[in-house]
C-alpha atoms as a PDB file:
ATOM      1  CA  UNK A   1       0.064  -7.114   8.836  1.00  0.00           C
ATOM      2  CA  UNK A   2      -0.835 -10.746   8.105  1.00  0.00           C
ATOM      3  CA  UNK A   3      -4.020 -12.628   7.323  1.00  0.00           C
ATOM      4  CA  UNK A   4      -4.748 -15.864   9.208  1.00  0.00           C
ATOM      5  CA  UNK A   5      -6.975 -18.560   7.687  1.00  0.00           C
ATOM      6  CA  UNK A   6      -7.881 -21.639   9.753  1.00  0.00           C
ATOM      7  CA  UNK A   7      -9.096 -24.832   8.066  1.00  0.00           C
ATOM      8  CA  UNK A   8     -11.059 -27.696   9.591  1.00  0.00           C
ATOM      9  CA  UNK A   9      -8.647 -30.269   8.176  1.00  0.00           C
ATOM     10  CA  UNK A  10      -5.179 -30.386   6.711  1.00  0.00           C
ATOM     11  CA  UNK A  11      -6.652 -31.798   3.535  1.00  0.00           C
ATOM     12  CA  UNK A  12      -8.815 -28.687   3.222  1.00  0.00           C
ATOM     13  CA  UNK A  13      -5.723 -26.515   3.719  1.00  0.00           C
ATOM     14  CA  UNK A  14      -3.808 -28.379   1.029  1.00  0.00           C
ATOM     15  CA  UNK A  15      -6.672 -27.998  -1.437  1.00  0.00           C
ATOM     16  CA  UNK A  16      -7.155 -24.288  -0.721  1.00  0.00           C
ATOM     17  CA  UNK A  17      -3.468 -23.398  -0.921  1.00  0.00           C
ATOM     18  CA  UNK A  18      -3.041 -25.314  -4.173  1.00  0.00           C
ATOM     19  CA  UNK A  19      -5.999 -23.516  -5.715  1.00  0.00           C
ATOM     20  CA  UNK A  20      -4.795 -20.133  -4.482  1.00  0.00           C
ATOM     21  CA  UNK A  21      -1.281 -20.619  -5.859  1.00  0.00           C
ATOM     22  CA  UNK A  22      -2.610 -21.735  -9.230  1.00  0.00           C
ATOM     23  CA  UNK A  23      -4.876 -18.689  -9.399  1.00  0.00           C
ATOM     24  CA  UNK A  24      -2.166 -16.134  -8.628  1.00  0.00           C
ATOM     25  CA  UNK A  25       0.326 -17.791 -10.990  1.00  0.00           C
ATOM     26  CA  UNK A  26      -2.276 -17.651 -13.758  1.00  0.00           C
ATOM     27  CA  UNK A  27      -3.052 -14.027 -12.911  1.00  0.00           C
ATOM     28  CA  UNK A  28       0.567 -12.919 -13.062  1.00  0.00           C
ATOM     29  CA  UNK A  29       1.094 -14.806 -16.320  1.00  0.00           C
ATOM     30  CA  UNK A  30      -1.490 -12.476 -17.890  1.00  0.00           C
ATOM     31  CA  UNK A  31       0.659  -9.495 -16.904  1.00  0.00           C
ATOM     32  CA  UNK A  32       4.195 -10.583 -17.792  1.00  0.00           C
ATOM     33  CA  UNK A  33       6.082 -13.088 -19.909  1.00  0.00           C
ATOM     34  CA  UNK A  34       7.583 -15.046 -17.032  1.00  0.00           C
ATOM     35  CA  UNK A  35       6.769 -15.520 -13.366  1.00  0.00           C
ATOM     36  CA  UNK A  36       9.007 -16.752 -10.562  1.00  0.00           C
ATOM     37  CA  UNK A  37       7.622 -18.980  -7.824  1.00  0.00           C
ATOM     38  CA  UNK A  38       9.512 -19.840  -4.636  1.00  0.00           C
ATOM     39  CA  UNK A  39       8.482 -22.902  -2.635  1.00  0.00           C
ATOM     40  CA  UNK A  40       9.727 -24.651   0.505  1.00  0.00           C
ATOM     41  CA  UNK A  41      11.223 -28.068   0.967  1.00  0.00           C
ATOM     42  CA  UNK A  42      10.331 -30.501   3.721  1.00  0.00           C
ATOM     43  CA  UNK A  43       7.423 -32.929   3.880  1.00  0.00           C
ATOM     44  CA  UNK A  44       4.544 -30.490   4.439  1.00  0.00           C
ATOM     45  CA  UNK A  45       4.200 -29.066   0.898  1.00  0.00           C
ATOM     46  CA  UNK A  46       4.259 -32.426  -0.908  1.00  0.00           C
ATOM     47  CA  UNK A  47       0.462 -32.723  -1.298  1.00  0.00           C
ATOM     48  CA  UNK A  48       0.345 -29.130  -2.556  1.00  0.00           C
ATOM     49  CA  UNK A  49       2.964 -29.954  -5.180  1.00  0.00           C
ATOM     50  CA  UNK A  50       0.989 -33.004  -6.288  1.00  0.00           C
ATOM     51  CA  UNK A  51      -2.108 -30.886  -6.929  1.00  0.00           C
ATOM     52  CA  UNK A  52      -0.263 -27.947  -8.434  1.00  0.00           C
ATOM     53  CA  UNK A  53       1.663 -30.099 -10.906  1.00  0.00           C
ATOM     54  CA  UNK A  54      -1.625 -31.185 -12.484  1.00  0.00           C
ATOM     55  CA  UNK A  55      -2.922 -27.625 -13.016  1.00  0.00           C
ATOM     56  CA  UNK A  56      -3.354 -26.363 -16.563  1.00  0.00           C
ATOM     57  CA  UNK A  57      -0.974 -23.407 -16.563  1.00  0.00           C
ATOM     58  CA  UNK A  58       1.569 -22.006 -19.012  1.00  0.00           C
ATOM     59  CA  UNK A  59       4.295 -23.818 -17.109  1.00  0.00           C
ATOM     60  CA  UNK A  60       6.900 -23.108 -19.770  1.00  0.00           C
ATOM     61  CA  UNK A  61       6.768 -19.489 -18.569  1.00  0.00           C
ATOM     62  CA  UNK A  62       7.120 -20.368 -14.879  1.00  0.00           C
ATOM     63  CA  UNK A  63      10.458 -20.420 -13.063  1.00  0.00           C
ATOM     64  CA  UNK A  64      10.626 -22.413  -9.836  1.00  0.00           C
ATOM     65  CA  UNK A  65      13.136 -21.772  -7.079  1.00  0.00           C
ATOM     66  CA  UNK A  66      13.467 -23.007  -3.520  1.00  0.00           C
ATOM     67  CA  UNK A  67      13.371 -20.723  -0.519  1.00  0.00           C
ATOM     68  CA  UNK A  68      16.317 -22.651   0.885  1.00  0.00           C
ATOM     69  CA  UNK A  69      18.372 -25.751   0.268  1.00  0.00           C
ATOM     70  CA  UNK A  70      20.711 -28.093   2.090  1.00  0.00           C
ATOM     71  CA  UNK A  71      24.177 -28.142   0.544  1.00  0.00           C
ATOM     72  CA  UNK A  72      23.786 -31.631  -0.894  1.00  0.00           C
ATOM     73  CA  UNK A  73      23.394 -32.902  -4.488  1.00  0.00           C
ATOM     74  CA  UNK A  74      19.854 -33.280  -5.781  1.00  0.00           C
ATOM     75  CA  UNK A  75      20.278 -37.055  -5.646  1.00  0.00           C
ATOM     76  CA  UNK A  76      20.665 -36.912  -1.858  1.00  0.00           C
ATOM     77  CA  UNK A  77      17.656 -38.092   0.196  1.00  0.00           C
ATOM     78  CA  UNK A  78      17.618 -34.814   2.149  1.00  0.00           C
ATOM     79  CA  UNK A  79      17.767 -32.595  -0.930  1.00  0.00           C
ATOM     80  CA  UNK A  80      14.817 -30.221  -1.305  1.00  0.00           C
ATOM     81  CA  UNK A  81      15.424 -30.255  -5.059  1.00  0.00           C
ATOM     82  CA  UNK A  82      14.888 -34.019  -5.053  1.00  0.00           C
ATOM     83  CA  UNK A  83      11.440 -33.490  -3.542  1.00  0.00           C
ATOM     84  CA  UNK A  84      10.581 -30.922  -6.207  1.00  0.00           C
ATOM     85  CA  UNK A  85      11.666 -33.204  -9.033  1.00  0.00           C
ATOM     86  CA  UNK A  86       9.517 -36.006  -7.651  1.00  0.00           C
ATOM     87  CA  UNK A  87       6.413 -34.066  -6.597  1.00  0.00           C
ATOM     88  CA  UNK A  88       6.206 -30.691  -8.409  1.00  0.00           C
ATOM     89  CA  UNK A  89       8.271 -30.806 -11.607  1.00  0.00           C
ATOM     90  CA  UNK A  90       6.152 -33.606 -13.035  1.00  0.00           C
ATOM     91  CA  UNK A  91       2.907 -33.921 -15.016  1.00  0.00           C
ATOM     92  CA  UNK A  92       1.998 -30.585 -16.594  1.00  0.00           C
ATOM     93  CA  UNK A  93       4.514 -28.739 -14.409  1.00  0.00           C
ATOM     94  CA  UNK A  94       7.390 -30.695 -15.945  1.00  0.00           C
ATOM     95  CA  UNK A  95       7.654 -27.817 -18.439  1.00  0.00           C
ATOM     96  CA  UNK A  96       8.552 -25.313 -15.723  1.00  0.00           C
ATOM     97  CA  UNK A  97      12.156 -24.098 -15.453  1.00  0.00           C
ATOM     98  CA  UNK A  98      13.802 -25.097 -12.186  1.00  0.00           C
ATOM     99  CA  UNK A  99      16.577 -22.799 -10.938  1.00  0.00           C
ATOM    100  CA  UNK A 100      18.512 -24.707  -8.221  1.00  0.00           C
ATOM    101  CA  UNK A 101      20.272 -23.290  -5.194  1.00  0.00           C
ATOM    102  CA  UNK A 102      23.041 -25.876  -5.386  1.00  0.00           C
ATOM    103  CA  UNK A 103      26.130 -26.067  -7.556  1.00  0.00           C
ATOM    104  CA  UNK A 104      28.856 -28.692  -7.509  1.00  0.00           C
ATOM    105  CA  UNK A 105      31.242 -27.102  -5.046  1.00  0.00           C
ATOM    106  CA  UNK A 106      32.457 -28.593  -1.747  1.00  0.00           C
ATOM    107  CA  UNK A 107      30.925 -25.847   0.394  1.00  0.00           C
ATOM    108  CA  UNK A 108      28.159 -23.264  -0.030  1.00  0.00           C
ATOM    109  CA  UNK A 109      30.700 -20.525   0.558  1.00  0.00           C
ATOM    110  CA  UNK A 110      32.545 -21.664  -2.580  1.00  0.00           C
ATOM    111  CA  UNK A 111      29.341 -21.867  -4.604  1.00  0.00           C
ATOM    112  CA  UNK A 112      27.472 -18.814  -3.347  1.00  0.00           C
ATOM    113  CA  UNK A 113      28.585 -16.454  -6.119  1.00  0.00           C
ATOM    114  CA  UNK A 114      27.334 -18.711  -8.904  1.00  0.00           C
ATOM    115  CA  UNK A 115      24.043 -19.353  -7.112  1.00  0.00           C
ATOM    116  CA  UNK A 116      23.534 -15.665  -6.438  1.00  0.00           C
ATOM    117  CA  UNK A 117      23.981 -14.811 -10.116  1.00  0.00           C
ATOM    118  CA  UNK A 118      21.349 -17.314 -11.237  1.00  0.00           C
ATOM    119  CA  UNK A 119      18.842 -16.222  -8.562  1.00  0.00           C
ATOM    120  CA  UNK A 120      19.361 -12.507  -9.219  1.00  0.00           C
ATOM    121  CA  UNK A 121      18.404 -13.217 -12.841  1.00  0.00           C
ATOM    122  CA  UNK A 122      14.901 -14.431 -11.876  1.00  0.00           C
ATOM    123  CA  UNK A 123      14.014 -11.963  -9.114  1.00  0.00           C
ATOM    124  CA  UNK A 124      11.756 -10.387  -8.000  1.00  0.00           C
ATOM    125  CA  UNK A 125       9.446 -13.174  -6.927  1.00  0.00           C
ATOM    126  CA  UNK A 126       5.840 -13.326  -7.994  1.00  0.00           C
ATOM    127  CA  UNK A 127       4.613 -16.060  -5.688  1.00  0.00           C
ATOM    128  CA  UNK A 128       6.105 -17.231  -2.395  1.00  0.00           C
ATOM    129  CA  UNK A 129       5.124 -20.247  -0.313  1.00  0.00           C
ATOM    130  CA  UNK A 130       6.875 -20.750   3.004  1.00  0.00           C
ATOM    131  CA  UNK A 131       6.811 -23.094   5.959  1.00  0.00           C
ATOM    132  CA  UNK A 132       7.657 -22.245   9.562  1.00  0.00           C
ATOM    133  CA  UNK A 133       9.273 -24.213  12.372  1.00  0.00           C
ATOM    134  CA  UNK A 134       8.270 -24.149  16.020  1.00  0.00           C
ATOM    135  CA  UNK A 135      11.469 -22.152  16.609  1.00  0.00           C
ATOM    136  CA  UNK A 136       9.945 -19.493  14.306  1.00  0.00           C
ATOM    137  CA  UNK A 137      12.475 -20.030  11.512  1.00  0.00           C
ATOM    138  CA  UNK A 138      11.400 -19.797   7.894  1.00  0.00           C
ATOM    139  CA  UNK A 139      13.384 -20.791   4.813  1.00  0.00           C
ATOM    140  CA  UNK A 140      16.825 -21.286   6.436  1.00  0.00           C
ATOM    141  CA  UNK A 141      16.606 -18.108   8.464  1.00  0.00           C
ATOM    142  CA  UNK A 142      17.316 -19.790  11.803  1.00  0.00           C
ATOM    143  CA  UNK A 143      17.310 -17.852  15.094  1.00  0.00           C
ATOM    144  CA  UNK A 144      20.879 -18.984  15.791  1.00  0.00           C
ATOM    145  CA  UNK A 145      22.082 -18.890  12.182  1.00  0.00           C
ATOM    146  CA  UNK A 146      25.583 -17.576  11.681  1.00  0.00           C
ATOM    147  CA  UNK A 147      24.547 -15.152   8.940  1.00  0.00           C
ATOM    148  CA  UNK A 148      21.061 -14.309  10.196  1.00  0.00           C
ATOM    149  CA  UNK A 149      21.721 -10.631  10.891  1.00  0.00           C
ATOM    150  CA  UNK A 150      23.095 -10.149   7.390  1.00  0.00           C
ATOM    151  CA  UNK A 151      20.190 -12.095   5.861  1.00  0.00           C
ATOM    152  CA  UNK A 152      17.685  -9.835   7.634  1.00  0.00           C
ATOM    153  CA  UNK A 153      19.363  -6.582   6.618  1.00  0.00           C
ATOM    154  CA  UNK A 154      17.511  -4.436   4.043  1.00  0.00           C
ATOM    155  CA  UNK A 155      20.576  -4.370   1.783  1.00  0.00           C
ATOM    156  CA  UNK A 156      21.175  -8.140   1.992  1.00  0.00           C
ATOM    157  CA  UNK A 157      22.077  -9.993  -1.191  1.00  0.00           C
ATOM    158  CA  UNK A 158      19.497 -12.374  -2.640  1.00  0.00           C
ATOM    159  CA  UNK A 159      21.009 -15.541  -1.172  1.00  0.00           C
ATOM    160  CA  UNK A 160      23.332 -16.294   1.714  1.00  0.00           C
ATOM    161  CA  UNK A 161      24.955 -19.313   3.293  1.00  0.00           C
ATOM    162  CA  UNK A 162      23.597 -20.354   6.676  1.00  0.00           C
ATOM    163  CA  UNK A 163      24.920 -22.627   9.367  1.00  0.00           C
ATOM    164  CA  UNK A 164      23.169 -23.313  12.664  1.00  0.00           C
ATOM    165  CA  UNK A 165      23.258 -25.895  15.433  1.00  0.00           C
ATOM    166  CA  UNK A 166      19.680 -26.882  14.549  1.00  0.00           C
ATOM    167  CA  UNK A 167      20.709 -28.062  11.067  1.00  0.00           C
ATOM    168  CA  UNK A 168      22.573 -31.195  10.015  1.00  0.00           C
ATOM    169  CA  UNK A 169      24.026 -29.693   6.856  1.00  0.00           C
ATOM    170  CA  UNK A 170      25.194 -26.281   5.777  1.00  0.00           C
ATOM    171  CA  UNK A 171      22.394 -24.396   4.041  1.00  0.00           C
ATOM    172  CA  UNK A 172      21.809 -21.743   1.440  1.00  0.00           C
ATOM    173  CA  UNK A 173      18.787 -19.483   1.801  1.00  0.00           C
ATOM    174  CA  UNK A 174      16.982 -16.591   0.233  1.00  0.00           C
ATOM    175  CA  UNK A 175      17.382 -13.430   2.289  1.00  0.00           C
ATOM    176  CA  UNK A 176      14.416 -11.665   3.887  1.00  0.00           C
ATOM    177  CA  UNK A 177      14.669  -8.994   1.195  1.00  0.00           C
ATOM    178  CA  UNK A 178      14.407 -11.582  -1.580  1.00  0.00           C
ATOM    179  CA  UNK A 179      11.483 -13.308   0.133  1.00  0.00           C
ATOM    180  CA  UNK A 180       9.704 -10.002   0.589  1.00  0.00           C
ATOM    181  CA  UNK A 181      10.064  -9.181  -3.101  1.00  0.00           C
ATOM    182  CA  UNK A 182       7.100 -11.511  -3.736  1.00  0.00           C
ATOM    183  CA  UNK A 183       3.787 -10.046  -4.841  1.00  0.00           C
ATOM    184  CA  UNK A 184       1.878 -12.911  -3.220  1.00  0.00           C
ATOM    185  CA  UNK A 185       3.185 -14.342   0.076  1.00  0.00           C
ATOM    186  CA  UNK A 186       1.799 -17.436   1.795  1.00  0.00           C
ATOM    187  CA  UNK A 187       2.839 -19.713   4.635  1.00  0.00           C
ATOM    188  CA  UNK A 188       1.360 -23.107   5.508  1.00  0.00           C
ATOM    189  CA  UNK A 189       1.692 -24.582   8.994  1.00  0.00           C
ATOM    190  CA  UNK A 190       0.033 -27.245  11.077  1.00  0.00           C
ATOM    191  CA  UNK A 191      -0.430 -27.856  14.787  1.00  0.00           C
ATOM    192  CA  UNK A 192      -1.215 -25.789  17.855  1.00  0.00           C
ATOM    193  CA  UNK A 193       2.459 -25.302  18.728  1.00  0.00           C
ATOM    194  CA  UNK A 194       3.185 -23.551  15.435  1.00  0.00           C
ATOM    195  CA  UNK A 195       0.078 -21.403  15.761  1.00  0.00           C
ATOM    196  CA  UNK A 196       1.238 -20.255  19.190  1.00  0.00           C
ATOM    197  CA  UNK A 197       4.758 -19.678  17.898  1.00  0.00           C
ATOM    198  CA  UNK A 198       3.456 -17.512  15.064  1.00  0.00           C
ATOM    199  CA  UNK A 199       1.382 -15.436  17.466  1.00  0.00           C
ATOM    200  CA  UNK A 200       4.372 -15.009  19.769  1.00  0.00           C
ATOM    201  CA  UNK A 201       6.555 -13.921  16.848  1.00  0.00           C
ATOM    202  CA  UNK A 202       4.351 -10.894  16.234  1.00  0.00           C
ATOM    203  CA  UNK A 203       5.791  -9.192  19.300  1.00  0.00           C
ATOM    204  CA  UNK A 204       9.390 -10.344  18.857  1.00  0.00           C
ATOM    205  CA  UNK A 205      12.230  -8.909  16.746  1.00  0.00           C
ATOM    206  CA  UNK A 206      13.194 -10.798  13.568  1.00  0.00           C
ATOM    207  CA  UNK A 207      16.612 -11.679  14.980  1.00  0.00           C
ATOM    208  CA  UNK A 208      14.757 -13.767  17.610  1.00  0.00           C
ATOM    209  CA  UNK A 209      11.791 -14.809  15.455  1.00  0.00           C
ATOM    210  CA  UNK A 210      12.829 -14.730  11.761  1.00  0.00           C
ATOM    211  CA  UNK A 211       9.261 -15.318  10.514  1.00  0.00           C
ATOM    212  CA  UNK A 212       8.565 -11.806  11.803  1.00  0.00           C
ATOM    213  CA  UNK A 213      10.673 -10.426   8.936  1.00  0.00           C
ATOM    214  CA  UNK A 214       8.202 -11.632   6.289  1.00  0.00           C
ATOM    215  CA  UNK A 215       4.855 -11.036   8.013  1.00  0.00           C
ATOM    216  CA  UNK A 216       3.896  -7.932   6.045  1.00  0.00           C
ATOM    217  CA  UNK A 217       1.059  -8.852   3.639  1.00  0.00           C
ATOM    218  CA  UNK A 218       1.518 -12.545   4.472  1.00  0.00           C
ATOM    219  CA  UNK A 219      -1.401 -14.984   4.297  1.00  0.00           C
ATOM    220  CA  UNK A 220      -1.178 -17.783   6.859  1.00  0.00           C
ATOM    221  CA  UNK A 221      -2.880 -21.108   6.134  1.00  0.00           C
ATOM    222  CA  UNK A 222      -3.255 -23.214   9.297  1.00  0.00           C
ATOM    223  CA  UNK A 223      -4.943 -26.362  10.503  1.00  0.00           C
ATOM    224  CA  UNK A 224      -4.607 -28.424  13.656  1.00  0.00           C
END
């Protein structure tokens, strides 16, 4: 179902994931005019973005989207888009097209239709990179999320709003169906607790352990 790769150091994991992503992006660019890459926010992927942004790729044919986003402007310190603009959409990768999950509306419920239209236009995904929390959430598919059941359904739309007690802000997230549209699926995680959580998720339903919904053909990159 999934492939697990352990690295001696986090630095080794960062280097390997960056190289792998660059290789599969380059491969898919030989097969089609445009490719769509989905990446996570948070602090973990920053070093991957730094390496990837320097890769010699046809970035003008690459579309970048986030797996999820807090409903805040991209100038906000907690914006995932802010991280991308600072760490990924620079250097050679500055030529990539970024497709944001945020529009200027007071709530995600008011903006969801516009966001869904722009994401539908760039699906399916070619390359997916995810993170995972110790609670087994991925993207903003939280175990206690108000729209989790809908987001896990096979007929789910590409993006949904998500609110959960574990989050400070309302979120918008790709659905499991959209995430699983990717040809190449990867997750990076660090620490023994996350490794144990991932193993536990294998025997749990997605409604309890959302990472379970995307395990098929998933490559896991882990280091202590």
